[in-house]
């Protein structure tokens, strides 16, 4: 099994940074004393940052690209955030829905209705069309409350684009666009280096394009931005969706676009030597031939880790439910596009699990995956149970290629199966005779700390313990990925 650990913030002014190399992946570990702050302040190393953040000012940490976010766990019943810039912020607590705070700054109460006392998860993102400054000055917790580290995925996907990738026209902007939705469904962290109205190609008439600004710390609002330090984090995947403005609005010659696209991907490769790079056909189909030709050129040059994504037919015709206008997808359209992109990216994020026998332990409960009642018949439900070494708790994992696996009970000889080939939340996981169906195939993706999601190939949903129960006998079903500990599993020697 490959362990992926990734810390996205490197604060040289406050932390000693230790670097070690495991294969081609750089691991950055922030060393801090046991007495380090766990109080929600800027010195609190339990807060994890995702995006292009500037940590140079000890009074405020700032990101200038949309979709930047932070995550942390905290105790108590209330939490407030201190902000230094008026914008739109989106808050999710305990895996709930995103709650919008529009055009707010100063001290903002994120829990107008106090929570039950206990430990809570917190995610905060920023995004407002043309204004993507996230100025974070710390959290305010209850007296005596503390923070702890959140779950952090070992995978990061970087999206590069224009208004479409930035979620332009969507009420909740970046947290509802295809880039965010796709990444979250994969259990991956993510960045969105995207801005409305931009081209790929820099020209005199239309200004700086992503071929220049992508490599900067700040967005297009800051023409004098310093370069971004690509050592701050390493993307596992880069997804590019550009061309709508170049061709559809600004008339960039197709030959110029294709040539620039080739150079752009070569320059990204120089920054991320091991990333898989995906160039998407624009949803409207503009410059599709040139985009695909640019990918072919990079492949011919010896870069086999550049891929073309054909989006033909992903969205319905306009006017229709998939569009807010003739260019920008609706929230429903973004969700549909994310669902199409997700299985394309998934094989490039999967963990490498060696073929063999394992006990499979849930992160939330510490209990083992178990065939109920030691039954070996088709339809036997799967539950969690205290590990006792029985063969109904031992599972043979077989790599099918493309990061897909089948999982077979040693006692029964039958495989884990989504009941009725359902794609719905709540569908039961059962034993069934192996028939090669996609409802019997699973993508195993690393999260953190040696744990993984187990995602159905057919449904795109992940295996979980119902209701986040910690009790023996609780059943296993599939559910949309919400990054809960009850959806994460460790493959261990039995």
Protein backbone atom coordinates (compact mmCIF):
# COMPACT_ATOMS: atom_id res chain seq x y z
CA UNK A 1 0.00 0.00 0.00
CA UNK A 2 1.26 3.47 -0.83
CA UNK A 3 0.86 6.04 1.94
CA UNK A 4 0.07 9.54 0.75
CA UNK A 5 0.45 12.39 3.20
CA UNK A 6 0.27 16.00 2.13
CA UNK A 7 0.48 19.29 4.04
CA UNK A 8 -0.44 22.22 1.81
CA UNK A 9 0.71 25.09 4.00
CA UNK A 10 4.38 25.84 4.43
CA UNK A 11 4.83 28.69 6.90
CA UNK A 12 8.55 29.34 7.02
CA UNK A 13 8.17 32.24 9.41
CA UNK A 14 6.49 30.17 12.10
CA UNK A 15 7.32 26.52 11.50
CA UNK A 16 10.45 24.49 10.92
CA UNK A 17 9.90 22.54 7.71
CA UNK A 18 11.27 19.08 7.26
CA UNK A 19 11.23 17.51 3.83
CA UNK A 20 11.67 13.93 2.85
CA UNK A 21 11.21 12.19 -0.45
CA UNK A 22 9.18 9.04 -0.99
CA UNK A 23 9.26 8.11 -4.64
CA UNK A 24 8.37 11.26 -6.54
CA UNK A 25 6.21 12.75 -3.82
CA UNK A 26 7.38 15.53 -1.53
CA UNK A 27 6.13 15.31 2.01
CA UNK A 28 6.22 18.50 4.09
CA UNK A 29 5.92 18.05 7.82
CA UNK A 30 5.46 21.09 10.06
CA UNK A 31 7.38 20.55 13.28
CA UNK A 32 5.82 22.13 16.30
CA UNK A 33 6.18 21.82 20.02
CA UNK A 34 3.57 20.14 22.15
CA UNK A 35 2.67 23.55 23.50
CA UNK A 36 1.83 24.93 20.02
CA UNK A 37 -1.44 26.85 19.79
CA UNK A 38 -4.60 24.82 19.17
CA UNK A 39 -6.88 27.84 19.60
CA UNK A 40 -7.89 28.77 16.04
CA UNK A 41 -5.33 31.57 15.77
CA UNK A 42 -3.04 32.02 12.79
CA UNK A 43 -0.32 30.16 14.68
CA UNK A 44 -2.59 27.11 14.97
CA UNK A 45 -1.00 24.39 12.84
CA UNK A 46 -4.14 22.25 13.06
CA UNK A 47 -5.76 24.53 10.46
CA UNK A 48 -5.01 23.20 6.97
CA UNK A 49 -5.06 25.51 3.95
CA UNK A 50 -5.77 24.62 0.32
CA UNK A 51 -5.12 26.96 -2.58
CA UNK A 52 -2.47 29.57 -3.21
CA UNK A 53 -2.04 31.24 0.15
CA UNK A 54 0.30 34.04 1.14
CA UNK A 55 1.52 33.44 4.72
CA UNK A 56 4.02 36.31 4.79
CA UNK A 57 1.95 38.58 7.05
CA UNK A 58 1.60 37.16 10.60
CA UNK A 59 -1.60 39.20 11.09
CA UNK A 60 -3.49 37.73 8.14
CA UNK A 61 -3.22 34.91 5.64
CA UNK A 62 -4.51 35.75 2.17
CA UNK A 63 -5.45 33.86 -0.98
CA UNK A 64 -6.27 35.65 -4.23
CA UNK A 65 -7.74 32.82 -6.32
CA UNK A 66 -11.31 31.57 -5.99
CA UNK A 67 -12.08 28.27 -4.32
CA UNK A 68 -9.39 28.62 -1.66
CA UNK A 69 -10.48 26.91 1.54
CA UNK A 70 -9.41 25.77 4.98
CA UNK A 71 -10.35 22.85 7.20
CA UNK A 72 -10.06 22.15 10.92
CA UNK A 73 -11.82 20.30 13.72
CA UNK A 74 -12.88 22.15 16.86
CA UNK A 75 -14.54 21.51 20.19
CA UNK A 76 -17.31 23.44 21.89
CA UNK A 77 -20.63 24.81 20.68
CA UNK A 78 -19.77 27.95 18.68
CA UNK A 79 -17.18 29.26 16.26
CA UNK A 80 -16.57 32.66 14.68
CA UNK A 81 -14.24 33.73 11.89
CA UNK A 82 -12.25 36.95 11.61
CA UNK A 83 -12.05 38.32 8.07
CA UNK A 84 -10.16 41.25 6.60
CA UNK A 85 -11.96 41.54 3.26
CA UNK A 86 -15.64 41.74 2.37
CA UNK A 87 -16.62 38.87 0.09
CA UNK A 88 -18.80 35.77 -0.07
CA UNK A 89 -17.88 32.86 2.16
CA UNK A 90 -19.31 29.35 2.33
CA UNK A 91 -19.29 27.32 5.53
CA UNK A 92 -19.87 23.63 6.13
CA UNK A 93 -20.03 22.19 9.64
CA UNK A 94 -20.15 18.48 10.45
CA UNK A 95 -20.58 17.52 6.80
CA UNK A 96 -23.82 19.49 6.40
CA UNK A 97 -24.86 21.74 3.53
CA UNK A 98 -22.87 24.79 2.50
CA UNK A 99 -24.20 27.92 4.20
CA UNK A 100 -23.55 31.25 2.48
CA UNK A 101 -22.46 34.45 4.18
CA UNK A 102 -22.64 37.15 1.51
CA UNK A 103 -20.45 40.26 1.40
CA UNK A 104 -19.27 39.90 5.00
CA UNK A 105 -16.12 41.03 6.76
CA UNK A 106 -14.93 41.55 10.33
CA UNK A 107 -15.98 38.98 12.93
CA UNK A 108 -18.67 36.64 11.55
CA UNK A 109 -20.61 34.19 13.71
CA UNK A 110 -20.67 30.85 11.90
CA UNK A 111 -22.97 29.22 14.47
CA UNK A 112 -25.93 31.55 15.13
CA UNK A 113 -27.62 28.46 16.53
CA UNK A 114 -25.15 26.84 18.95
CA UNK A 115 -24.08 23.28 18.23
CA UNK A 116 -24.25 20.32 20.57
CA UNK A 117 -21.17 20.26 22.76
CA UNK A 118 -18.51 18.02 21.25
CA UNK A 119 -15.98 17.85 18.43
CA UNK A 120 -17.03 19.29 15.09
CA UNK A 121 -15.61 19.48 11.57
CA UNK A 122 -15.36 22.85 9.84
CA UNK A 123 -14.68 23.81 6.21
CA UNK A 124 -14.67 27.42 4.99
CA UNK A 125 -14.37 28.41 1.33
CA UNK A 126 -14.45 31.70 -0.52
CA UNK A 127 -15.76 32.69 -3.93
CA UNK A 128 -17.41 35.75 -5.45
CA UNK A 129 -17.39 36.56 -9.15
CA UNK A 130 -14.37 38.75 -9.96
CA UNK A 131 -13.47 39.09 -6.26
CA UNK A 132 -11.61 36.11 -4.91
CA UNK A 133 -9.69 37.55 -1.96
CA UNK A 134 -9.88 35.34 1.14
CA UNK A 135 -8.33 37.35 3.99
CA UNK A 136 -8.26 35.07 7.03
CA UNK A 137 -7.35 36.44 10.46
CA UNK A 138 -8.25 33.49 12.67
CA UNK A 139 -11.10 31.72 14.42
CA UNK A 140 -12.74 32.51 17.76
CA UNK A 141 -13.70 29.44 19.81
CA UNK A 142 -15.55 28.95 23.08
CA UNK A 143 -13.55 29.47 26.24
CA UNK A 144 -11.42 26.37 26.79
CA UNK A 145 -12.22 24.92 23.36
CA UNK A 146 -9.45 23.56 21.18
CA UNK A 147 -8.80 22.52 17.60
CA UNK A 148 -7.46 19.27 16.17
CA UNK A 149 -6.26 18.30 12.70
CA UNK A 150 -8.92 17.49 10.09
CA UNK A 151 -8.80 14.56 7.71
CA UNK A 152 -6.65 15.58 4.75
CA UNK A 153 -6.44 13.64 1.51
CA UNK A 154 -3.09 12.66 0.08
CA UNK A 155 -4.39 13.61 -3.38
CA UNK A 156 -4.72 17.12 -4.80
CA UNK A 157 -6.32 18.09 -8.13
CA UNK A 158 -5.56 21.49 -9.65
CA UNK A 159 -8.16 22.92 -12.04
CA UNK A 160 -7.19 25.64 -14.51
CA UNK A 161 -9.87 27.59 -16.34
CA UNK A 162 -12.09 30.58 -16.86
CA UNK A 163 -15.56 31.55 -15.58
CA UNK A 164 -16.90 28.05 -16.19
CA UNK A 165 -14.36 26.47 -13.85
CA UNK A 166 -14.88 29.31 -11.36
CA UNK A 167 -18.61 28.55 -11.11
CA UNK A 168 -19.63 31.90 -12.60
CA UNK A 169 -23.43 32.47 -12.41
CA UNK A 170 -23.85 29.82 -9.67
CA UNK A 171 -25.18 31.26 -6.41
CA UNK A 172 -22.48 29.48 -4.40
CA UNK A 173 -19.78 29.96 -7.04
CA UNK A 174 -16.73 27.78 -6.49
CA UNK A 175 -18.25 25.24 -4.10
CA UNK A 176 -20.95 24.26 -6.62
CA UNK A 177 -18.96 24.10 -9.85
CA UNK A 178 -17.89 20.88 -11.58
CA UNK A 179 -14.30 21.19 -10.34
CA UNK A 180 -15.27 21.32 -6.67
CA UNK A 181 -18.04 18.72 -6.95
CA UNK A 182 -15.84 16.27 -8.86
CA UNK A 183 -12.91 16.60 -6.44
CA UNK A 184 -15.10 16.16 -3.37
CA UNK A 185 -16.69 13.03 -4.87
CA UNK A 186 -13.18 11.62 -5.28
CA UNK A 187 -12.22 12.49 -1.71
CA UNK A 188 -9.41 14.70 -3.06
CA UNK A 189 -8.25 18.15 -2.05
CA UNK A 190 -8.33 20.71 -4.85
CA UNK A 191 -7.45 24.15 -6.16
CA UNK A 192 -9.19 26.32 -8.76
CA UNK A 193 -6.84 28.61 -10.66
CA UNK A 194 -9.67 30.15 -12.63
CA UNK A 195 -11.06 33.60 -13.37
CA UNK A 196 -14.00 34.92 -15.43
CA UNK A 197 -13.38 36.18 -18.95
CA UNK A 198 -9.81 34.99 -19.33
CA UNK A 199 -8.12 33.46 -22.37
CA UNK A 200 -5.41 30.89 -22.51
CA UNK A 201 -3.39 33.06 -24.89
CA UNK A 202 -1.81 36.38 -23.88
CA UNK A 203 -2.36 39.07 -26.55
CA UNK A 204 -1.95 42.83 -26.87
CA UNK A 205 -5.66 43.34 -27.49
CA UNK A 206 -7.04 41.09 -24.76
CA UNK A 207 -4.34 41.16 -22.12
CA UNK A 208 -2.72 38.50 -20.00
CA UNK A 209 -3.87 34.91 -20.42
CA UNK A 210 -3.54 31.85 -18.27
CA UNK A 211 -0.34 31.02 -20.15
CA UNK A 212 1.20 33.72 -17.91
CA UNK A 213 -1.10 34.26 -14.90
CA UNK A 214 -1.43 30.58 -13.98
CA UNK A 215 2.18 30.75 -12.82
CA UNK A 216 1.48 33.68 -10.47
CA UNK A 217 0.56 33.79 -6.81
CA UNK A 218 -2.32 36.21 -7.39
CA UNK A 219 -5.20 36.41 -9.85
CA UNK A 220 -5.69 38.64 -12.89
CA UNK A 221 -6.64 41.56 -10.64
CA UNK A 222 -2.95 41.81 -9.70
CA UNK A 223 -0.79 42.39 -12.81
CA UNK A 224 2.33 42.78 -10.67
CA UNK A 225 1.81 39.50 -8.81
CA UNK A 226 4.89 37.61 -7.72
CA UNK A 227 5.47 34.16 -9.16
CA UNK A 228 3.86 31.25 -7.37
CA UNK A 229 6.22 28.92 -5.52
CA UNK A 230 5.25 25.51 -6.87
CA UNK A 231 7.18 23.84 -4.06
CA UNK A 232 4.33 24.80 -1.69
CA UNK A 233 2.20 21.89 -2.83
CA UNK A 234 2.25 19.21 -5.51
CA UNK A 235 -0.79 18.44 -7.65
CA UNK A 236 -1.41 14.79 -8.46
CA UNK A 237 -3.66 15.80 -11.38
CA UNK A 238 -4.01 19.04 -13.37
CA UNK A 239 -7.25 19.60 -15.31
CA UNK A 240 -7.37 22.37 -17.93
CA UNK A 241 -10.61 23.75 -19.38
CA UNK A 242 -9.76 26.72 -21.61
CA UNK A 243 -10.69 28.04 -25.03
CA UNK A 244 -14.23 29.31 -24.58
CA UNK A 245 -13.08 32.94 -24.42
CA UNK A 246 -10.13 32.59 -26.78
CA UNK A 247 -12.32 31.33 -29.61
CA UNK A 248 -15.87 32.20 -28.65
CA UNK A 249 -15.33 35.80 -27.55
CA UNK A 250 -11.95 37.07 -28.68
CA UNK A 251 -11.21 35.41 -31.99
CA UNK A 252 -7.76 34.06 -31.21
CA UNK A 253 -6.55 32.21 -34.36
CA UNK A 254 -6.94 28.47 -33.95
CA UNK A 255 -3.32 27.82 -34.93
CA UNK A 256 -2.13 30.28 -32.29
CA UNK A 257 -4.37 28.67 -29.69
CA UNK A 258 -3.07 25.18 -30.47
CA UNK A 259 0.57 26.26 -30.38
CA UNK A 260 0.11 28.11 -27.12
CA UNK A 261 -1.73 25.15 -25.57
CA UNK A 262 1.22 22.88 -26.38
CA UNK A 263 3.66 25.29 -24.72
CA UNK A 264 1.33 25.80 -21.75
CA UNK A 265 1.17 22.09 -20.98
CA UNK A 266 4.94 21.80 -21.39
CA UNK A 267 5.40 24.60 -18.86
CA UNK A 268 3.01 22.92 -16.42
CA UNK A 269 4.96 19.70 -16.83
CA UNK A 270 8.11 21.56 -15.80
CA UNK A 271 6.39 22.53 -12.54
CA UNK A 272 4.75 19.15 -11.90
CA UNK A 273 7.06 16.48 -13.36
CA UNK A 274 4.85 13.57 -12.26
CA UNK A 275 1.30 14.91 -12.55
CA UNK A 276 -1.25 13.58 -15.01
CA UNK A 277 -2.49 16.52 -17.10
CA UNK A 278 -5.99 16.45 -18.60
CA UNK A 279 -7.04 18.88 -21.33
CA UNK A 280 -10.83 19.09 -21.56
CA UNK A 281 -12.83 19.78 -24.67
CA UNK A 282 -14.76 22.95 -23.84
CA UNK A 283 -18.37 22.11 -23.01
CA UNK A 284 -19.46 24.06 -26.09
CA UNK A 285 -16.97 22.25 -28.30
CA UNK A 286 -14.92 25.30 -29.28
CA UNK A 287 -11.35 24.46 -30.43
CA UNK A 288 -11.91 20.78 -29.70
CA UNK A 289 -9.75 19.72 -32.65
CA UNK A 290 -6.93 22.03 -31.60
CA UNK A 291 -7.12 20.95 -27.95
CA UNK A 292 -6.89 17.30 -28.94
CA UNK A 293 -4.05 18.06 -31.36
CA UNK A 294 -2.14 19.83 -28.58
CA UNK A 295 -2.46 16.71 -26.42
CA UNK A 296 -1.27 14.53 -29.31
CA UNK A 297 1.73 16.83 -29.80
CA UNK A 298 2.71 16.47 -26.15
CA UNK A 299 2.32 12.69 -26.38
CA UNK A 300 4.46 12.62 -29.51
CA UNK A 301 7.08 14.65 -27.65
CA UNK A 302 7.28 11.81 -25.14
CA UNK A 303 4.85 12.96 -22.44
CA UNK A 304 2.50 10.00 -21.99
CA UNK A 305 0.83 11.55 -18.94
CA UNK A 306 -1.14 14.13 -20.93
CA UNK A 307 -4.72 13.14 -21.76
CA UNK A 308 -7.61 14.53 -23.79
CA UNK A 309 -11.09 14.56 -22.23
CA UNK A 310 -13.88 14.44 -24.80
CA UNK A 311 -16.91 16.14 -23.22
CA UNK A 312 -19.20 15.58 -26.20
CA UNK A 313 -22.74 14.93 -24.99
CA UNK A 314 -22.03 15.63 -21.34
CA UNK A 315 -24.56 18.45 -21.13
CA UNK A 316 -27.94 18.85 -22.80
CA UNK A 317 -28.76 21.45 -25.40
CA UNK A 318 -29.40 25.11 -24.67
CA UNK A 319 -31.89 26.32 -23.60
CA UNK A 320 -32.29 23.63 -21.02
CA UNK A 321 -31.82 22.67 -17.39
CA UNK A 322 -28.07 22.20 -17.77
CA UNK A 323 -27.40 25.86 -18.58
CA UNK A 324 -27.77 29.25 -16.95
CA UNK A 325 -27.06 30.87 -20.30
CA UNK A 326 -25.56 29.73 -23.58
CA UNK A 327 -22.07 29.45 -22.07
CA UNK A 328 -22.24 28.78 -18.33
CA UNK A 329 -23.63 25.56 -16.86
CA UNK A 330 -26.29 25.67 -14.17
CA UNK A 331 -25.67 23.99 -10.82
CA UNK A 332 -27.40 20.91 -12.26
CA UNK A 333 -25.14 21.08 -15.31
CA UNK A 334 -22.04 21.34 -13.15
CA UNK A 335 -23.13 18.31 -11.13
CA UNK A 336 -23.73 16.38 -14.34
CA UNK A 337 -20.31 17.34 -15.72
CA UNK A 338 -18.64 16.40 -12.43
CA UNK A 339 -20.29 12.99 -12.61
CA UNK A 340 -18.85 12.46 -16.10
CA UNK A 341 -15.35 13.63 -15.17
CA UNK A 342 -15.12 11.73 -11.90
CA UNK A 343 -14.65 8.20 -13.31
CA UNK A 344 -12.09 9.51 -15.81
CA UNK A 345 -9.88 10.93 -13.05
CA UNK A 346 -10.48 8.22 -10.44
CA UNK A 347 -8.00 5.64 -11.81
CA UNK A 348 -5.21 8.21 -11.55
CA UNK A 349 -5.83 8.77 -7.83
CA UNK A 350 -6.31 5.22 -6.63
CA UNK A 351 -4.22 3.62 -3.93
CA UNK A 352 -2.02 0.69 -4.86
CA UNK A 353 -3.29 -2.23 -2.80
CA UNK A 354 -1.33 -5.43 -3.34
CA UNK A 355 -3.38 -8.52 -4.16
CA UNK A 356 -3.88 -10.55 -1.00
CA UNK A 357 -6.03 -11.18 2.06
CA UNK A 358 -6.97 -8.35 4.42
CA UNK A 359 -9.14 -7.38 7.31
CA UNK A 360 -10.86 -4.09 6.44
CA UNK A 361 -11.20 -1.74 9.41
CA UNK A 362 -13.47 1.32 9.62
CA UNK A 363 -11.78 4.54 10.67
CA UNK A 364 -14.71 5.81 12.75
CA UNK A 365 -15.53 2.67 14.73
CA UNK A 366 -12.38 0.56 14.60
CA UNK A 367 -14.59 -2.42 13.70
CA UNK A 368 -14.08 -4.89 10.88
CA UNK A 369 -16.03 -5.50 7.69
CA UNK A 370 -18.02 -8.70 8.31
CA UNK A 371 -20.43 -10.98 6.41
CA UNK A 372 -23.47 -11.06 8.68
CA UNK A 373 -24.08 -14.31 10.53
CA UNK A 374 -21.10 -15.95 8.80
CA UNK A 375 -23.50 -16.67 5.95
CA UNK A 376 -22.18 -17.58 2.49
CA UNK A 377 -25.43 -17.17 0.54
CA UNK A 378 -26.20 -14.58 -2.11
CA UNK A 379 -27.79 -11.49 -0.55
CA UNK A 380 -26.00 -11.77 2.79
CA UNK A 381 -25.74 -8.26 4.18
CA UNK A 382 -22.41 -6.77 5.13
CA UNK A 383 -21.98 -5.25 8.59
CA UNK A 384 -19.22 -4.09 10.91
CA UNK A 385 -18.25 -6.24 13.85
CA UNK A 386 -15.52 -6.63 16.45
CA UNK A 387 -12.64 -8.40 14.73
CA UNK A 388 -12.40 -12.06 15.79
CA UNK A 389 -10.26 -13.53 13.01
CA UNK A 390 -13.14 -15.37 11.30
CA UNK A 391 -12.93 -15.93 7.56
CA UNK A 392 -16.18 -13.98 7.20
CA UNK A 393 -14.04 -10.98 8.24
CA UNK A 394 -11.22 -11.71 5.80
CA UNK A 395 -11.30 -10.41 2.26
CA UNK A 396 -9.26 -11.17 -0.84
CA UNK A 397 -8.48 -7.99 -2.77
CA UNK A 398 -7.81 -8.44 -6.49
CA UNK A 399 -6.52 -5.64 -8.75
CA UNK A 400 -8.54 -5.55 -11.98
CA UNK A 401 -6.42 -2.77 -13.51
CA UNK A 402 -7.16 0.94 -13.79
CA UNK A 403 -7.22 1.21 -9.98
CA UNK A 404 -10.35 -1.00 -9.88
CA UNK A 405 -10.62 -3.95 -7.52
CA UNK A 406 -12.94 -6.76 -6.61
CA UNK A 407 -13.24 -7.75 -2.96
CA UNK A 408 -14.04 -11.41 -2.25
CA UNK A 409 -15.03 -13.00 1.06
CA UNK A 410 -12.62 -15.78 2.00
CA UNK A 411 -15.38 -17.77 3.69
CA UNK A 412 -18.04 -17.43 1.00
CA UNK A 413 -16.07 -17.00 -2.20
CA UNK A 414 -18.58 -14.28 -3.08
CA UNK A 415 -17.80 -10.66 -3.82
CA UNK A 416 -18.93 -7.36 -2.34
CA UNK A 417 -21.86 -6.16 -4.43
CA UNK A 418 -24.20 -3.13 -4.43
CA UNK A 419 -27.66 -4.64 -4.04
CA UNK A 420 -29.83 -4.44 -7.14
CA UNK A 421 -27.14 -2.53 -9.07
CA UNK A 422 -28.53 0.56 -7.37
CA UNK A 423 -26.89 3.97 -7.75
CA UNK A 424 -28.91 5.50 -4.91
CA UNK A 425 -27.67 6.69 -1.53
CA UNK A 426 -28.44 4.06 1.08
CA UNK A 427 -28.25 1.00 -1.19
CA UNK A 428 -27.07 -2.02 0.81
CA UNK A 429 -23.76 -3.79 0.34
CA UNK A 430 -24.14 -7.56 0.14
CA UNK A 431 -22.41 -10.78 -0.88
CA UNK A 432 -23.11 -12.07 -4.37
CA UNK A 433 -21.68 -14.46 -6.92
CA UNK A 434 -19.05 -12.74 -9.07
CA UNK A 435 -20.58 -11.75 -12.41
CA UNK A 436 -18.13 -9.03 -13.42
CA UNK A 437 -20.70 -6.24 -13.02
CA UNK A 438 -19.60 -2.69 -12.34
CA UNK A 439 -21.63 -2.86 -9.11
CA UNK A 440 -19.04 -5.42 -7.98
CA UNK A 441 -16.00 -3.31 -8.85
CA UNK A 442 -14.43 -0.77 -6.52
CA UNK A 443 -11.97 2.12 -6.77
CA UNK A 444 -9.78 2.38 -3.67
CA UNK A 445 -8.52 5.91 -3.06
CA UNK A 446 -6.13 7.04 -0.33
CA UNK A 447 -7.38 9.69 2.11
CA UNK A 448 -4.92 10.11 5.01
CA UNK A 449 -3.30 8.16 7.79
CA UNK A 450 -3.39 4.88 5.87
CA UNK A 451 -7.16 5.02 5.28
CA UNK A 452 -9.03 4.88 1.98
CA UNK A 453 -12.42 5.34 0.43
CA UNK A 454 -13.94 2.31 -1.34
CA UNK A 455 -16.01 3.69 -4.21
CA UNK A 456 -18.42 1.77 -6.42
CA UNK A 457 -17.49 1.95 -10.10
CA UNK A 458 -21.13 1.88 -11.20
CA UNK A 459 -22.60 4.31 -8.69
CA UNK A 460 -19.71 6.62 -7.82
CA UNK A 461 -20.84 6.29 -4.18
CA UNK A 462 -18.55 5.17 -1.37
CA UNK A 463 -18.93 2.35 1.11
CA UNK A 464 -19.87 3.54 4.61
CA UNK A 465 -21.18 2.46 8.00
CA UNK A 466 -24.84 3.45 8.20
CA UNK A 467 -25.44 6.44 10.47
CA UNK A 468 -21.74 6.63 11.42
CA UNK A 469 -22.51 3.98 14.03
CA UNK A 470 -19.75 2.61 16.24
CA UNK A 471 -21.77 -0.46 17.26
CA UNK A 472 -21.16 -4.04 16.22
CA UNK A 473 -23.88 -5.14 13.82
CA UNK A 474 -24.30 -1.77 12.10
CA UNK A 475 -24.90 -2.34 8.39
CA UNK A 476 -22.81 -1.16 5.46
CA UNK A 477 -24.31 0.81 2.56
CA UNK A 478 -23.18 3.21 -0.16
CA UNK A 479 -23.48 6.99 0.11
CA UNK A 480 -22.24 10.14 -1.55
CA UNK A 481 -18.74 10.96 -0.33
CA UNK A 482 -18.86 13.48 2.53
CA UNK A 483 -15.33 12.75 3.84
CA UNK A 484 -16.73 11.20 7.01
CA UNK A 485 -14.58 8.82 9.04
CA UNK A 486 -17.36 6.23 8.67
CA UNK A 487 -16.58 6.25 4.93
CA UNK A 488 -12.88 5.46 5.35
CA UNK A 489 -11.26 2.04 5.62
CA UNK A 490 -7.85 0.58 6.35
CA UNK A 491 -6.64 -2.61 4.66
CA UNK A 492 -4.65 -4.51 7.28
CA UNK A 493 -2.99 -7.89 7.53
CA UNK A 494 -5.51 -10.31 9.11
